[in-house]
Amino acid sequence: MPRSLPRLFVSSVLVWRNGLFCLLVSTCLGVLAQTSSTLQLKGTPHEEVQKAMGQRKWYQALEQIDTYLQERPRDPQMRFWRARLLEQLQRGDEAFVVYEELAQDYPELAEVQNNLGVMYAARGNIGQAKLAFENALRNNPSYATAYENMGDILLHLARQSFAKSAELDPSAAKSPQQKMLALDPILQPTLNTTP
C-alpha cells in the first residue's frame, strides 16, 4: 500500500477446510494475519467504529458504518470494515459485493485485493483468486499474507496439473504421481479427504 495512506486495513487469512477455502477472522489464535495499525482517530466516526469492533460489538459497528456511509459513501476504510464485519456476521455474499466494488474503485489497495482473492478462492474461482493476489502483490510487494495466499493457490494448481497429466497419459503417469505424492503432505489440510 502506498505510504501516503494510513495503514488501517485488516486482512483475511486464507486456510483450507474440506477442500475449500475458508475465511478466518484475524483475531483467531494460532493463525497468521495482518493486523491493523494502532493509528488513533480519536473523536471521529472511525474511532467509534474501531472501538465497537474492539469490543466485538459487530452489529453496533456495522450500524455506525452504515450511518456514516450514507453521507460519505466512497470512504474506503469504512467500506473495508463493512466487508470485514459482514464476513464476521456470516454474510459472505454481501461482503463479496463490497470487496468487488472496493477493488474497482480503489484497485491500488492491496488488502482489498487480497481479501477479494480469498473470497474468490472460497467460491472455487481459483483463476480470479490468483489474479487478485497478483494485484495485491503488485500494489504491495512486501505483503506477506498475500504471498502466502498466492503460494497456496499455486500449490493447488500444481497438484491439479499433475493429476491432469497423469490422467491424460497413464503410461507416463509415474512422474506426475510422484510429484503429487510429494505435494500431498504439504497440502493435506487443503485436500478434501472426507466423504
C-alpha atoms as a PDB file:
ATOM      1  CA  MET A   1       0.000   0.000   0.000  1.00  0.00           C
ATOM      2  CA  PRO A   2       1.363   3.486  -0.765  1.00  0.00           C
ATOM      3  CA  ARG A   3       2.921   5.138   2.249  1.00  0.00           C
ATOM      4  CA  SER A   4       0.564   8.122   1.997  1.00  0.00           C
ATOM      5  CA  LEU A   5      -2.449   6.031   3.022  1.00  0.00           C
ATOM      6  CA  PRO A   6      -2.966   5.204   6.699  1.00  0.00           C
ATOM      7  CA  ARG A   7      -2.480   1.509   7.401  1.00  0.00           C
ATOM      8  CA  LEU A   8      -5.854   0.600   8.855  1.00  0.00           C
ATOM      9  CA  PHE A   9      -6.906  -2.424   6.863  1.00  0.00           C
ATOM     10  CA  VAL A  10      -7.173  -5.884   8.400  1.00  0.00           C
ATOM     11  CA  SER A  11      -6.623  -8.796   6.076  1.00  0.00           C
ATOM     12  CA  SER A  12      -8.416 -12.093   5.888  1.00  0.00           C
ATOM     13  CA  VAL A  13      -6.460 -15.266   6.390  1.00  0.00           C
ATOM     14  CA  LEU A  14      -6.607 -17.963   3.776  1.00  0.00           C
ATOM     15  CA  VAL A  15      -6.888 -21.517   5.022  1.00  0.00           C
ATOM     16  CA  TRP A  16      -8.298 -24.720   3.612  1.00  0.00           C
ATOM     17  CA  ARG A  17     -11.045 -26.833   5.061  1.00  0.00           C
ATOM     18  CA  ASN A  18     -12.596 -29.863   3.418  1.00  0.00           C
ATOM     19  CA  GLY A  19     -11.041 -28.864   0.099  1.00  0.00           C
ATOM     20  CA  LEU A  20     -12.485 -25.347   0.153  1.00  0.00           C
ATOM     21  CA  PHE A  21     -11.003 -22.088   1.240  1.00  0.00           C
ATOM     22  CA  CYS A  22     -12.456 -20.656   4.415  1.00  0.00           C
ATOM     23  CA  LEU A  23     -12.099 -17.233   5.972  1.00  0.00           C
ATOM     24  CA  LEU A  24     -10.884 -16.859   9.494  1.00  0.00           C
ATOM     25  CA  VAL A  25     -11.112 -13.708  11.498  1.00  0.00           C
ATOM     26  CA  SER A  26      -7.680 -12.349  12.238  1.00  0.00           C
ATOM     27  CA  THR A  27      -8.395 -12.468  15.951  1.00  0.00           C
ATOM     28  CA  CYS A  28      -8.314 -16.295  15.995  1.00  0.00           C
ATOM     29  CA  LEU A  29      -5.365 -17.720  17.894  1.00  0.00           C
ATOM     30  CA  GLY A  30      -2.659 -19.598  16.053  1.00  0.00           C
ATOM     31  CA  VAL A  31      -3.386 -18.089  12.648  1.00  0.00           C
ATOM     32  CA  LEU A  32      -1.126 -15.687  10.813  1.00  0.00           C
ATOM     33  CA  ALA A  33      -2.903 -12.479   9.974  1.00  0.00           C
ATOM     34  CA  GLN A  34      -2.183  -8.944   9.005  1.00  0.00           C
ATOM     35  CA  THR A  35      -3.493  -6.670  11.754  1.00  0.00           C
ATOM     36  CA  SER A  36      -4.483  -3.059  11.767  1.00  0.00           C
ATOM     37  CA  SER A  37      -2.163  -0.384  12.971  1.00  0.00           C
ATOM     38  CA  THR A  38      -2.629   1.403  16.227  1.00  0.00           C
ATOM     39  CA  LEU A  39      -3.303   4.689  14.474  1.00  0.00           C
ATOM     40  CA  GLN A  40      -5.647   6.615  16.730  1.00  0.00           C
ATOM     41  CA  LEU A  41      -8.545   8.526  15.226  1.00  0.00           C
ATOM     42  CA  LYS A  42      -9.927   9.974  18.453  1.00  0.00           C
ATOM     43  CA  GLY A  43     -13.280  11.642  18.327  1.00  0.00           C
ATOM     44  CA  THR A  44     -14.064  10.543  14.790  1.00  0.00           C
ATOM     45  CA  PRO A  45     -16.619   8.065  13.494  1.00  0.00           C
ATOM     46  CA  HIS A  46     -13.657   5.861  12.544  1.00  0.00           C
ATOM     47  CA  GLU A  47     -12.534   5.760  16.183  1.00  0.00           C
ATOM     48  CA  GLU A  48     -16.026   4.854  17.344  1.00  0.00           C
ATOM     49  CA  VAL A  49     -16.202   2.010  14.838  1.00  0.00           C
ATOM     50  CA  GLN A  50     -12.753   0.767  15.890  1.00  0.00           C
ATOM     51  CA  LYS A  51     -13.872   0.865  19.500  1.00  0.00           C
ATOM     52  CA  ALA A  52     -17.056  -1.114  18.785  1.00  0.00           C
ATOM     53  CA  MET A  53     -15.106  -3.677  16.765  1.00  0.00           C
ATOM     54  CA  GLY A  54     -12.507  -3.967  19.520  1.00  0.00           C
ATOM     55  CA  GLN A  55     -15.330  -4.763  21.932  1.00  0.00           C
ATOM     56  CA  ARG A  56     -16.755  -7.296  19.445  1.00  0.00           C
ATOM     57  CA  LYS A  57     -19.958  -5.325  19.096  1.00  0.00           C
ATOM     58  CA  TRP A  58     -20.296  -6.305  15.456  1.00  0.00           C
ATOM     59  CA  TYR A  59     -23.869  -5.139  14.898  1.00  0.00           C
ATOM     60  CA  GLN A  60     -23.233  -1.793  16.573  1.00  0.00           C
ATOM     61  CA  ALA A  61     -20.121  -1.234  14.463  1.00  0.00           C
ATOM     62  CA  LEU A  62     -21.996  -2.174  11.288  1.00  0.00           C
ATOM     63  CA  GLU A  63     -24.792   0.230  12.141  1.00  0.00           C
ATOM     64  CA  GLN A  64     -22.278   3.032  12.740  1.00  0.00           C
ATOM     65  CA  ILE A  65     -20.595   2.283   9.424  1.00  0.00           C
ATOM     66  CA  ASP A  66     -23.868   2.206   7.505  1.00  0.00           C
ATOM     67  CA  THR A  67     -24.893   5.536   9.021  1.00  0.00           C
ATOM     68  CA  TYR A  68     -21.520   7.061   8.122  1.00  0.00           C
ATOM     69  CA  LEU A  69     -21.606   5.704   4.578  1.00  0.00           C
ATOM     70  CA  GLN A  70     -24.972   7.353   3.927  1.00  0.00           C
ATOM     71  CA  GLU A  71     -23.158  10.711   3.968  1.00  0.00           C
ATOM     72  CA  ARG A  72     -19.738   9.584   2.681  1.00  0.00           C
ATOM     73  CA  PRO A  73     -20.345   6.503   0.518  1.00  0.00           C
ATOM     74  CA  ARG A  74     -16.851   6.382  -1.011  1.00  0.00           C
ATOM     75  CA  ASP A  75     -14.831   6.165   2.227  1.00  0.00           C
ATOM     76  CA  PRO A  76     -12.576   3.156   1.549  1.00  0.00           C
ATOM     77  CA  GLN A  77     -11.763   2.428   5.187  1.00  0.00           C
ATOM     78  CA  MET A  78     -15.388   2.291   6.290  1.00  0.00           C
ATOM     79  CA  ARG A  79     -16.314   0.196   3.273  1.00  0.00           C
ATOM     80  CA  PHE A  80     -13.467  -2.212   4.049  1.00  0.00           C
ATOM     81  CA  TRP A  81     -14.567  -2.525   7.666  1.00  0.00           C
ATOM     82  CA  ARG A  82     -18.120  -3.056   6.469  1.00  0.00           C
ATOM     83  CA  ALA A  83     -16.967  -6.014   4.357  1.00  0.00           C
ATOM     84  CA  ARG A  84     -14.965  -7.462   7.271  1.00  0.00           C
ATOM     85  CA  LEU A  85     -17.983  -7.144   9.574  1.00  0.00           C
ATOM     86  CA  LEU A  86     -20.255  -8.769   7.021  1.00  0.00           C
ATOM     87  CA  GLU A  87     -17.795 -11.681   6.902  1.00  0.00           C
ATOM     88  CA  GLN A  88     -17.826 -11.843  10.693  1.00  0.00           C
ATOM     89  CA  LEU A  89     -21.637 -11.945  10.652  1.00  0.00           C
ATOM     90  CA  GLN A  90     -21.613 -14.830   8.127  1.00  0.00           C
ATOM     91  CA  ARG A  91     -22.946 -12.611   5.330  1.00  0.00           C
ATOM     92  CA  GLY A  92     -20.296 -13.600   2.804  1.00  0.00           C
ATOM     93  CA  ASP A  93     -22.267 -12.775  -0.343  1.00  0.00           C
ATOM     94  CA  GLU A  94     -22.739  -9.189   0.817  1.00  0.00           C
ATOM     95  CA  ALA A  95     -19.068  -8.934   1.831  1.00  0.00           C
ATOM     96  CA  PHE A  96     -18.032 -10.226  -1.587  1.00  0.00           C
ATOM     97  CA  VAL A  97     -20.001  -7.464  -3.327  1.00  0.00           C
ATOM     98  CA  VAL A  98     -18.389  -4.814  -1.104  1.00  0.00           C
ATOM     99  CA  TYR A  99     -14.902  -6.158  -1.859  1.00  0.00           C
ATOM    100  CA  GLU A 100     -15.614  -6.256  -5.601  1.00  0.00           C
ATOM    101  CA  GLU A 101     -16.829  -2.653  -5.574  1.00  0.00           C
ATOM    102  CA  LEU A 102     -13.863  -1.532  -3.458  1.00  0.00           C
ATOM    103  CA  ALA A 103     -11.437  -3.283  -5.806  1.00  0.00           C
ATOM    104  CA  GLN A 104     -12.998  -1.461  -8.758  1.00  0.00           C
ATOM    105  CA  ASP A 105     -12.963   1.927  -7.006  1.00  0.00           C
ATOM    106  CA  TYR A 106      -9.562   1.525  -5.331  1.00  0.00           C
ATOM    107  CA  PRO A 107      -7.540  -1.077  -7.262  1.00  0.00           C
ATOM    108  CA  GLU A 108      -4.356   0.110  -5.541  1.00  0.00           C
ATOM    109  CA  LEU A 109      -5.439  -1.197  -2.118  1.00  0.00           C
ATOM    110  CA  ALA A 110      -3.560  -4.459  -1.637  1.00  0.00           C
ATOM    111  CA  GLU A 111      -5.609  -5.564   1.369  1.00  0.00           C
ATOM    112  CA  VAL A 112      -8.812  -5.281  -0.622  1.00  0.00           C
ATOM    113  CA  GLN A 113      -7.299  -7.291  -3.474  1.00  0.00           C
ATOM    114  CA  ASN A 114      -6.082  -9.949  -1.028  1.00  0.00           C
ATOM    115  CA  ASN A 115      -9.456 -10.312   0.667  1.00  0.00           C
ATOM    116  CA  LEU A 116     -11.202 -10.404  -2.685  1.00  0.00           C
ATOM    117  CA  GLY A 117      -8.806 -13.189  -3.701  1.00  0.00           C
ATOM    118  CA  VAL A 118      -9.707 -15.126  -0.569  1.00  0.00           C
ATOM    119  CA  MET A 119     -13.381 -14.761  -1.362  1.00  0.00           C
ATOM    120  CA  TYR A 120     -12.882 -15.853  -4.985  1.00  0.00           C
ATOM    121  CA  ALA A 121     -10.985 -18.904  -3.751  1.00  0.00           C
ATOM    122  CA  ALA A 122     -13.752 -19.710  -1.268  1.00  0.00           C
ATOM    123  CA  ARG A 123     -16.136 -19.757  -4.216  1.00  0.00           C
ATOM    124  CA  GLY A 124     -13.853 -22.104  -6.135  1.00  0.00           C
ATOM    125  CA  ASN A 125     -12.778 -19.465  -8.664  1.00  0.00           C
ATOM    126  CA  ILE A 126      -9.059 -20.176  -8.456  1.00  0.00           C
ATOM    127  CA  GLY A 127      -8.190 -18.178 -11.588  1.00  0.00           C
ATOM    128  CA  GLN A 128      -9.806 -14.988 -10.290  1.00  0.00           C
ATOM    129  CA  ALA A 129      -8.243 -15.580  -6.870  1.00  0.00           C
ATOM    130  CA  LYS A 130      -4.804 -15.818  -8.471  1.00  0.00           C
ATOM    131  CA  LEU A 131      -5.367 -12.557 -10.348  1.00  0.00           C
ATOM    132  CA  ALA A 132      -6.493 -10.789  -7.180  1.00  0.00           C
ATOM    133  CA  PHE A 133      -3.417 -11.994  -5.252  1.00  0.00           C
ATOM    134  CA  GLU A 134      -1.199 -10.871  -8.148  1.00  0.00           C
ATOM    135  CA  ASN A 135      -2.820  -7.423  -7.956  1.00  0.00           C
ATOM    136  CA  ALA A 136      -2.285  -7.312  -4.196  1.00  0.00           C
ATOM    137  CA  LEU A 137       1.398  -8.145  -4.623  1.00  0.00           C
ATOM    138  CA  ARG A 138       1.836  -5.693  -7.481  1.00  0.00           C
ATOM    139  CA  ASN A 139       0.460  -2.959  -5.214  1.00  0.00           C
ATOM    140  CA  ASN A 140       2.404  -4.053  -2.137  1.00  0.00           C
ATOM    141  CA  PRO A 141       5.412  -6.260  -2.870  1.00  0.00           C
ATOM    142  CA  SER A 142       6.042  -6.610   0.888  1.00  0.00           C
ATOM    143  CA  TYR A 143       2.622  -8.077   1.690  1.00  0.00           C
ATOM    144  CA  ALA A 144       3.485 -11.406   3.348  1.00  0.00           C
ATOM    145  CA  THR A 145      -0.094 -12.654   3.718  1.00  0.00           C
ATOM    146  CA  ALA A 146      -0.772 -12.190   0.003  1.00  0.00           C
ATOM    147  CA  TYR A 147       2.417 -14.145  -0.787  1.00  0.00           C
ATOM    148  CA  GLU A 148       1.273 -16.982   1.455  1.00  0.00           C
ATOM    149  CA  ASN A 149      -2.169 -16.984  -0.158  1.00  0.00           C
ATOM    150  CA  MET A 150      -0.623 -16.965  -3.634  1.00  0.00           C
ATOM    151  CA  GLY A 151       1.590 -19.889  -2.612  1.00  0.00           C
ATOM    152  CA  ASP A 152      -1.447 -21.880  -1.518  1.00  0.00           C
ATOM    153  CA  ILE A 153      -3.142 -21.200  -4.851  1.00  0.00           C
ATOM    154  CA  LEU A 154      -0.045 -22.142  -6.848  1.00  0.00           C
ATOM    155  CA  LEU A 155       0.444 -25.399  -4.934  1.00  0.00           C
ATOM    156  CA  HIS A 156      -3.182 -26.284  -5.506  1.00  0.00           C
ATOM    157  CA  LEU A 157      -2.872 -25.500  -9.226  1.00  0.00           C
ATOM    158  CA  ALA A 158       0.329 -27.549  -9.462  1.00  0.00           C
ATOM    159  CA  ARG A 159      -1.355 -30.587  -7.954  1.00  0.00           C
ATOM    160  CA  GLN A 160      -4.299 -30.204 -10.339  1.00  0.00           C
ATOM    161  CA  SER A 161      -1.877 -30.030 -13.272  1.00  0.00           C
ATOM    162  CA  PHE A 162      -0.010 -33.150 -12.182  1.00  0.00           C
ATOM    163  CA  ALA A 163      -3.292 -35.022 -11.773  1.00  0.00           C
ATOM    164  CA  LYS A 164      -4.426 -33.976 -15.254  1.00  0.00           C
ATOM    165  CA  SER A 165      -1.088 -35.040 -16.736  1.00  0.00           C
ATOM    166  CA  ALA A 166      -1.393 -38.473 -15.143  1.00  0.00           C
ATOM    167  CA  GLU A 167      -4.961 -38.777 -16.418  1.00  0.00           C
ATOM    168  CA  LEU A 168      -4.046 -37.826 -19.994  1.00  0.00           C
ATOM    169  CA  ASP A 169      -1.014 -40.115 -20.265  1.00  0.00           C
ATOM    170  CA  PRO A 170      -1.332 -43.070 -17.881  1.00  0.00           C
ATOM    171  CA  SER A 171       1.746 -44.738 -19.359  1.00  0.00           C
ATOM    172  CA  ALA A 172       3.915 -41.807 -18.234  1.00  0.00           C
ATOM    173  CA  ALA A 173       1.993 -41.158 -15.038  1.00  0.00           C
ATOM    174  CA  LYS A 174       4.778 -42.192 -12.658  1.00  0.00           C
ATOM    175  CA  SER A 175       6.486 -38.786 -12.636  1.00  0.00           C
ATOM    176  CA  PRO A 176       3.325 -36.688 -12.052  1.00  0.00           C
ATOM    177  CA  GLN A 177       2.152 -39.179  -9.430  1.00  0.00           C
ATOM    178  CA  GLN A 178       5.459 -38.856  -7.576  1.00  0.00           C
ATOM    179  CA  LYS A 179       5.113 -35.089  -7.635  1.00  0.00           C
ATOM    180  CA  MET A 180       1.548 -35.289  -6.349  1.00  0.00           C
ATOM    181  CA  LEU A 181       2.723 -37.578  -3.546  1.00  0.00           C
ATOM    182  CA  ALA A 182       5.410 -35.037  -2.664  1.00  0.00           C
ATOM    183  CA  LEU A 183       2.820 -32.254  -2.531  1.00  0.00           C
ATOM    184  CA  ASP A 184       0.192 -34.201  -0.598  1.00  0.00           C
ATOM    185  CA  PRO A 185       1.787 -33.780   2.859  1.00  0.00           C
ATOM    186  CA  ILE A 186       2.069 -30.039   2.291  1.00  0.00           C
ATOM    187  CA  LEU A 187      -1.482 -29.774   1.021  1.00  0.00           C
ATOM    188  CA  GLN A 188      -3.017 -32.350   3.370  1.00  0.00           C
ATOM    189  CA  PRO A 189      -5.061 -29.747   5.269  1.00  0.00           C
ATOM    190  CA  THR A 190      -6.297 -28.461   1.912  1.00  0.00           C
ATOM    191  CA  LEU A 191      -7.285 -31.745   0.295  1.00  0.00           C
ATOM    192  CA  ASN A 192     -10.831 -32.964   0.614  1.00  0.00           C
ATOM    193  CA  THR A 193     -10.240 -36.281   2.308  1.00  0.00           C
ATOM    194  CA  THR A 194     -13.647 -36.614   3.951  1.00  0.00           C
ATOM    195  CA  PRO A 195     -16.610 -38.091   2.053  1.00  0.00           C
END
